[in-house]
């Protein structure tokens, strides 16, 4: 597994908000969100990192 330098990845802040449904009958609420173009990798990244999948963790806020 290739570990890529986080400094070569940029994130474009999003201004939209989303509402995740509440837990209902023991089933957690979920919401799929597609943020096209929100994350990109710059040309300074190692060649092995170019085109590699990225995992981005989001934190819920109010």
PDB file of N, CA and C in Angstrom:
ATOM      1  N   UNK A   1       0.847  -1.181   0.000  1.00  0.00           N
ATOM      2  CA  UNK A   1       0.000   0.000   0.000  1.00  0.00           C
ATOM      3  C   UNK A   1       0.892   1.242   0.000  1.00  0.00           C
ATOM      4  N   UNK A   2       0.671   2.098  -0.958  1.00  0.00           N
ATOM      5  CA  UNK A   2       1.439   3.331  -1.092  1.00  0.00           C
ATOM      6  C   UNK A   2       0.936   4.369  -0.093  1.00  0.00           C
ATOM      7  N   UNK A   3       1.849   4.995   0.632  1.00  0.00           N
ATOM      8  CA  UNK A   3       1.490   6.092   1.523  1.00  0.00           C
ATOM      9  C   UNK A   3       1.925   7.381   0.825  1.00  0.00           C
ATOM     10  N   UNK A   4       0.958   8.241   0.582  1.00  0.00           N
ATOM     11  CA  UNK A   4       1.223   9.476  -0.145  1.00  0.00           C
ATOM     12  C   UNK A   4       1.274  10.659   0.810  1.00  0.00           C
ATOM     13  N   UNK A   5       2.124  11.615   0.487  1.00  0.00           N
ATOM     14  CA  UNK A   5       2.285  12.814   1.298  1.00  0.00           C
ATOM     15  C   UNK A   5       1.002  13.637   1.270  1.00  0.00           C
ATOM     16  N   UNK A   6       0.369  13.857   2.420  1.00  0.00           N
ATOM     17  CA  UNK A   6      -0.873  14.641   2.448  1.00  0.00           C
ATOM     18  C   UNK A   6      -0.710  16.054   1.900  1.00  0.00           C
ATOM     19  N   UNK A   7       0.513  16.592   1.910  1.00  0.00           N
ATOM     20  CA  UNK A   7       0.736  17.939   1.403  1.00  0.00           C
ATOM     21  C   UNK A   7       0.485  18.031  -0.100  1.00  0.00           C
ATOM     22  N   UNK A   8       0.476  16.881  -0.791  1.00  0.00           N
ATOM     23  CA  UNK A   8       0.246  16.889  -2.230  1.00  0.00           C
ATOM     24  C   UNK A   8      -1.245  16.804  -2.574  1.00  0.00           C
ATOM     25  N   UNK A   9      -2.090  16.723  -1.552  1.00  0.00           N
ATOM     26  CA  UNK A   9      -3.538  16.611  -1.754  1.00  0.00           C
ATOM     27  C   UNK A   9      -4.211  17.907  -1.299  1.00  0.00           C
ATOM     28  N   UNK A  10      -5.126  18.396  -2.113  1.00  0.00           N
ATOM     29  CA  UNK A  10      -5.875  19.591  -1.731  1.00  0.00           C
ATOM     30  C   UNK A  10      -7.362  19.282  -1.666  1.00  0.00           C
ATOM     31  N   UNK A  11      -8.043  19.988  -0.805  1.00  0.00           N
ATOM     32  CA  UNK A  11      -9.482  19.833  -0.635  1.00  0.00           C
ATOM     33  C   UNK A  11     -10.127  21.192  -0.828  1.00  0.00           C
ATOM     34  N   UNK A  12     -11.145  21.237  -1.669  1.00  0.00           N
ATOM     35  CA  UNK A  12     -11.896  22.463  -1.889  1.00  0.00           C
ATOM     36  C   UNK A  12     -13.068  22.479  -0.920  1.00  0.00           C
ATOM     37  N   UNK A  13     -13.091  23.457  -0.029  1.00  0.00           N
ATOM     38  CA  UNK A  13     -14.155  23.548   0.980  1.00  0.00           C
ATOM     39  C   UNK A  13     -15.526  23.595   0.303  1.00  0.00           C
ATOM     40  N   UNK A  14     -16.466  22.936   0.915  1.00  0.00           N
ATOM     41  CA  UNK A  14     -17.826  22.871   0.391  1.00  0.00           C
ATOM     42  C   UNK A  14     -18.720  23.811   1.193  1.00  0.00           C
ATOM     43  N   UNK A  15     -19.638  24.464   0.521  1.00  0.00           N
ATOM     44  CA  UNK A  15     -20.524  25.397   1.213  1.00  0.00           C
ATOM     45  C   UNK A  15     -21.925  24.836   1.387  1.00  0.00           C
ATOM     46  N   UNK A  16     -22.223  23.736   0.709  1.00  0.00           N
ATOM     47  CA  UNK A  16     -23.554  23.131   0.831  1.00  0.00           C
ATOM     48  C   UNK A  16     -23.654  22.376   2.151  1.00  0.00           C
ATOM     49  N   UNK A  17     -24.847  22.199   2.625  1.00  0.00           N
ATOM     50  CA  UNK A  17     -25.082  21.408   3.825  1.00  0.00           C
ATOM     51  C   UNK A  17     -25.940  20.204   3.480  1.00  0.00           C
ATOM     52  N   UNK A  18     -25.868  19.178   4.288  1.00  0.00           N
ATOM     53  CA  UNK A  18     -26.639  17.970   4.058  1.00  0.00           C
ATOM     54  C   UNK A  18     -27.296  17.562   5.360  1.00  0.00           C
ATOM     55  N   UNK A  19     -28.433  16.936   5.260  1.00  0.00           N
ATOM     56  CA  UNK A  19     -29.131  16.421   6.429  1.00  0.00           C
ATOM     57  C   UNK A  19     -29.143  14.903   6.350  1.00  0.00           C
ATOM     58  N   UNK A  20     -28.539  14.270   7.343  1.00  0.00           N
ATOM     59  CA  UNK A  20     -28.510  12.811   7.419  1.00  0.00           C
ATOM     60  C   UNK A  20     -29.734  12.369   8.205  1.00  0.00           C
ATOM     61  N   UNK A  21     -30.517  11.425   7.664  1.00  0.00           N
ATOM     62  CA  UNK A  21     -31.698  10.966   8.385  1.00  0.00           C
ATOM     63  C   UNK A  21     -31.334  10.390   9.757  1.00  0.00           C
ATOM     64  N   UNK A  22     -32.227  10.571  10.702  1.00  0.00           N
ATOM     65  CA  UNK A  22     -32.012  10.056  12.056  1.00  0.00           C
ATOM     66  C   UNK A  22     -32.102   8.527  12.071  1.00  0.00           C
ATOM     67  N   UNK A  23     -31.579   7.937  13.121  1.00  0.00           N
ATOM     68  CA  UNK A  23     -31.706   6.494  13.337  1.00  0.00           C
ATOM     69  C   UNK A  23     -33.182   6.158  13.438  1.00  0.00           C
ATOM     70  N   UNK A  24     -33.591   5.080  12.772  1.00  0.00           N
ATOM     71  CA  UNK A  24     -35.006   4.702  12.752  1.00  0.00           C
ATOM     72  C   UNK A  24     -35.130   3.193  12.909  1.00  0.00           C
ATOM     73  N   UNK A  25     -35.763   2.772  13.983  1.00  0.00           N
ATOM     74  CA  UNK A  25     -35.974   1.335  14.200  1.00  0.00           C
ATOM     75  C   UNK A  25     -34.694   0.537  14.278  1.00  0.00           C
ATOM     76  N   UNK A  26     -33.665   1.091  14.861  1.00  0.00           N
ATOM     77  CA  UNK A  26     -32.399   0.371  15.013  1.00  0.00           C
ATOM     78  C   UNK A  26     -31.496   0.459  13.796  1.00  0.00           C
ATOM     79  N   UNK A  27     -31.914   1.185  12.778  1.00  0.00           N
ATOM     80  CA  UNK A  27     -31.094   1.335  11.576  1.00  0.00           C
ATOM     81  C   UNK A  27     -30.534   2.757  11.543  1.00  0.00           C
ATOM     82  N   UNK A  28     -29.209   2.851  11.506  1.00  0.00           N
ATOM     83  CA  UNK A  28     -28.563   4.160  11.459  1.00  0.00           C
ATOM     84  C   UNK A  28     -28.925   4.895  10.178  1.00  0.00           C
ATOM     85  N   UNK A  29     -29.080   6.196  10.289  1.00  0.00           N
ATOM     86  CA  UNK A  29     -29.301   7.017   9.109  1.00  0.00           C
ATOM     87  C   UNK A  29     -28.027   7.091   8.287  1.00  0.00           C
ATOM     88  N   UNK A  30     -28.179   7.224   6.998  1.00  0.00           N
ATOM     89  CA  UNK A  30     -27.021   7.311   6.107  1.00  0.00           C
ATOM     90  C   UNK A  30     -27.361   8.234   4.946  1.00  0.00           C
ATOM     91  N   UNK A  31     -26.339   8.825   4.375  1.00  0.00           N
ATOM     92  CA  UNK A  31     -26.528   9.706   3.231  1.00  0.00           C
ATOM     93  C   UNK A  31     -25.277   9.643   2.368  1.00  0.00           C
ATOM     94  N   UNK A  32     -25.442   9.219   1.131  1.00  0.00           N
ATOM     95  CA  UNK A  32     -24.327   9.238   0.184  1.00  0.00           C
ATOM     96  C   UNK A  32     -24.205  10.640  -0.388  1.00  0.00           C
ATOM     97  N   UNK A  33     -22.986  11.144  -0.426  1.00  0.00           N
ATOM     98  CA  UNK A  33     -22.731  12.480  -0.960  1.00  0.00           C
ATOM     99  C   UNK A  33     -21.582  12.361  -1.953  1.00  0.00           C
ATOM    100  N   UNK A  34     -21.761  12.907  -3.143  1.00  0.00           N
ATOM    101  CA  UNK A  34     -20.694  12.943  -4.138  1.00  0.00           C
ATOM    102  C   UNK A  34     -20.194  14.371  -4.260  1.00  0.00           C
ATOM    103  N   UNK A  35     -18.913  14.547  -4.033  1.00  0.00           N
ATOM    104  CA  UNK A  35     -18.303  15.869  -4.091  1.00  0.00           C
ATOM    105  C   UNK A  35     -17.317  15.895  -5.265  1.00  0.00           C
ATOM    106  N   UNK A  36     -17.846  15.962  -6.466  1.00  0.00           N
ATOM    107  CA  UNK A  36     -17.036  15.923  -7.672  1.00  0.00           C
ATOM    108  C   UNK A  36     -16.016  17.061  -7.676  1.00  0.00           C
ATOM    109  N   UNK A  37     -14.768  16.717  -7.833  1.00  0.00           N
ATOM    110  CA  UNK A  37     -13.698  17.708  -7.918  1.00  0.00           C
ATOM    111  C   UNK A  37     -13.300  18.327  -6.598  1.00  0.00           C
ATOM    112  N   UNK A  38     -13.811  17.829  -5.482  1.00  0.00           N
ATOM    113  CA  UNK A  38     -13.510  18.428  -4.185  1.00  0.00           C
ATOM    114  C   UNK A  38     -12.114  18.078  -3.688  1.00  0.00           C
ATOM    115  N   UNK A  39     -11.585  16.942  -4.096  1.00  0.00           N
ATOM    116  CA  UNK A  39     -10.263  16.508  -3.670  1.00  0.00           C
ATOM    117  C   UNK A  39      -9.407  16.317  -4.918  1.00  0.00           C
ATOM    118  N   UNK A  40      -8.200  16.838  -4.873  1.00  0.00           N
ATOM    119  CA  UNK A  40      -7.307  16.646  -6.017  1.00  0.00           C
ATOM    120  C   UNK A  40      -5.881  16.440  -5.536  1.00  0.00           C
ATOM    121  N   UNK A  41      -5.093  15.817  -6.402  1.00  0.00           N
ATOM    122  CA  UNK A  41      -3.702  15.552  -6.086  1.00  0.00           C
ATOM    123  C   UNK A  41      -2.841  16.381  -7.026  1.00  0.00           C
ATOM    124  N   UNK A  42      -1.908  17.104  -6.454  1.00  0.00           N
ATOM    125  CA  UNK A  42      -1.056  17.972  -7.250  1.00  0.00           C
ATOM    126  C   UNK A  42       0.041  17.216  -7.981  1.00  0.00           C
ATOM    127  N   UNK A  43       0.687  17.867  -8.907  1.00  0.00           N
ATOM    128  CA  UNK A  43       1.730  17.231  -9.704  1.00  0.00           C
ATOM    129  C   UNK A  43       3.005  16.907  -8.925  1.00  0.00           C
ATOM    130  N   UNK A  44       3.136  17.438  -7.707  1.00  0.00           N
ATOM    131  CA  UNK A  44       4.332  17.144  -6.910  1.00  0.00           C
ATOM    132  C   UNK A  44       4.264  15.777  -6.233  1.00  0.00           C
ATOM    133  N   UNK A  45       3.110  15.118  -6.292  1.00  0.00           N
ATOM    134  CA  UNK A  45       2.956  13.809  -5.646  1.00  0.00           C
ATOM    135  C   UNK A  45       3.819  12.768  -6.365  1.00  0.00           C
ATOM    136  N   UNK A  46       4.250  11.782  -5.614  1.00  0.00           N
ATOM    137  CA  UNK A  46       5.008  10.682  -6.202  1.00  0.00           C
ATOM    138  C   UNK A  46       4.210  10.054  -7.333  1.00  0.00           C
ATOM    139  N   UNK A  47       4.904   9.554  -8.340  1.00  0.00           N
ATOM    140  CA  UNK A  47       4.233   8.923  -9.473  1.00  0.00           C
ATOM    141  C   UNK A  47       3.310   7.790  -9.029  1.00  0.00           C
ATOM    142  N   UNK A  48       3.716   7.027  -8.004  1.00  0.00           N
ATOM    143  CA  UNK A  48       2.901   5.908  -7.532  1.00  0.00           C
ATOM    144  C   UNK A  48       1.593   6.372  -6.896  1.00  0.00           C
ATOM    145  N   UNK A  49       1.529   7.635  -6.499  1.00  0.00           N
ATOM    146  CA  UNK A  49       0.318   8.168  -5.870  1.00  0.00           C
ATOM    147  C   UNK A  49      -0.670   8.708  -6.904  1.00  0.00           C
ATOM    148  N   UNK A  50      -0.192   9.081  -8.070  1.00  0.00           N
ATOM    149  CA  UNK A  50      -1.068   9.627  -9.098  1.00  0.00           C
ATOM    150  C   UNK A  50      -2.105   8.579  -9.502  1.00  0.00           C
ATOM    151  N   UNK A  51      -3.363   8.937  -9.414  1.00  0.00           N
ATOM    152  CA  UNK A  51      -4.450   8.031  -9.783  1.00  0.00           C
ATOM    153  C   UNK A  51      -4.815   7.019  -8.710  1.00  0.00           C
ATOM    154  N   UNK A  52      -4.133   7.050  -7.567  1.00  0.00           N
ATOM    155  CA  UNK A  52      -4.437   6.109  -6.485  1.00  0.00           C
ATOM    156  C   UNK A  52      -5.720   6.536  -5.783  1.00  0.00           C
ATOM    157  N   UNK A  53      -6.491   5.574  -5.260  1.00  0.00           N
ATOM    158  CA  UNK A  53      -7.695   5.945  -4.511  1.00  0.00           C
ATOM    159  C   UNK A  53      -7.320   6.639  -3.202  1.00  0.00           C
ATOM    160  N   UNK A  54      -8.143   7.572  -2.787  1.00  0.00           N
ATOM    161  CA  UNK A  54      -7.937   8.292  -1.537  1.00  0.00           C
ATOM    162  C   UNK A  54      -9.105   8.048  -0.605  1.00  0.00           C
ATOM    163  N   UNK A  55      -8.820   7.966   0.677  1.00  0.00           N
ATOM    164  CA  UNK A  55      -9.868   7.892   1.686  1.00  0.00           C
ATOM    165  C   UNK A  55      -9.876   9.226   2.427  1.00  0.00           C
ATOM    166  N   UNK A  56     -11.039   9.848   2.459  1.00  0.00           N
ATOM    167  CA  UNK A  56     -11.183  11.139   3.121  1.00  0.00           C
ATOM    168  C   UNK A  56     -12.197  10.986   4.239  1.00  0.00           C
ATOM    169  N   UNK A  57     -11.819  11.355   5.437  1.00  0.00           N
ATOM    170  CA  UNK A  57     -12.716  11.277   6.576  1.00  0.00           C
ATOM    171  C   UNK A  57     -13.349  12.639   6.792  1.00  0.00           C
ATOM    172  N   UNK A  58     -14.636  12.639   6.956  1.00  0.00           N
ATOM    173  CA  UNK A  58     -15.369  13.881   7.195  1.00  0.00           C
ATOM    174  C   UNK A  58     -15.842  13.920   8.631  1.00  0.00           C
ATOM    175  N   UNK A  59     -15.886  15.097   9.196  1.00  0.00           N
ATOM    176  CA  UNK A  59     -16.378  15.281  10.555  1.00  0.00           C
ATOM    177  C   UNK A  59     -17.663  16.065  10.504  1.00  0.00           C
ATOM    178  N   UNK A  60     -18.658  15.542  11.150  1.00  0.00           N
ATOM    179  CA  UNK A  60     -19.950  16.234  11.196  1.00  0.00           C
ATOM    180  C   UNK A  60     -19.858  17.430  12.107  1.00  0.00           C
ATOM    181  N   UNK A  61     -20.504  18.486  11.715  1.00  0.00           N
ATOM    182  CA  UNK A  61     -20.536  19.694  12.526  1.00  0.00           C
ATOM    183  C   UNK A  61     -21.927  20.285  12.498  1.00  0.00           C
ATOM    184  N   UNK A  62     -22.126  21.281  13.292  1.00  0.00           N
ATOM    185  CA  UNK A  62     -23.447  21.900  13.291  1.00  0.00           C
ATOM    186  C   UNK A  62     -23.329  23.361  12.918  1.00  0.00           C
TER     187      UNK A  62
END
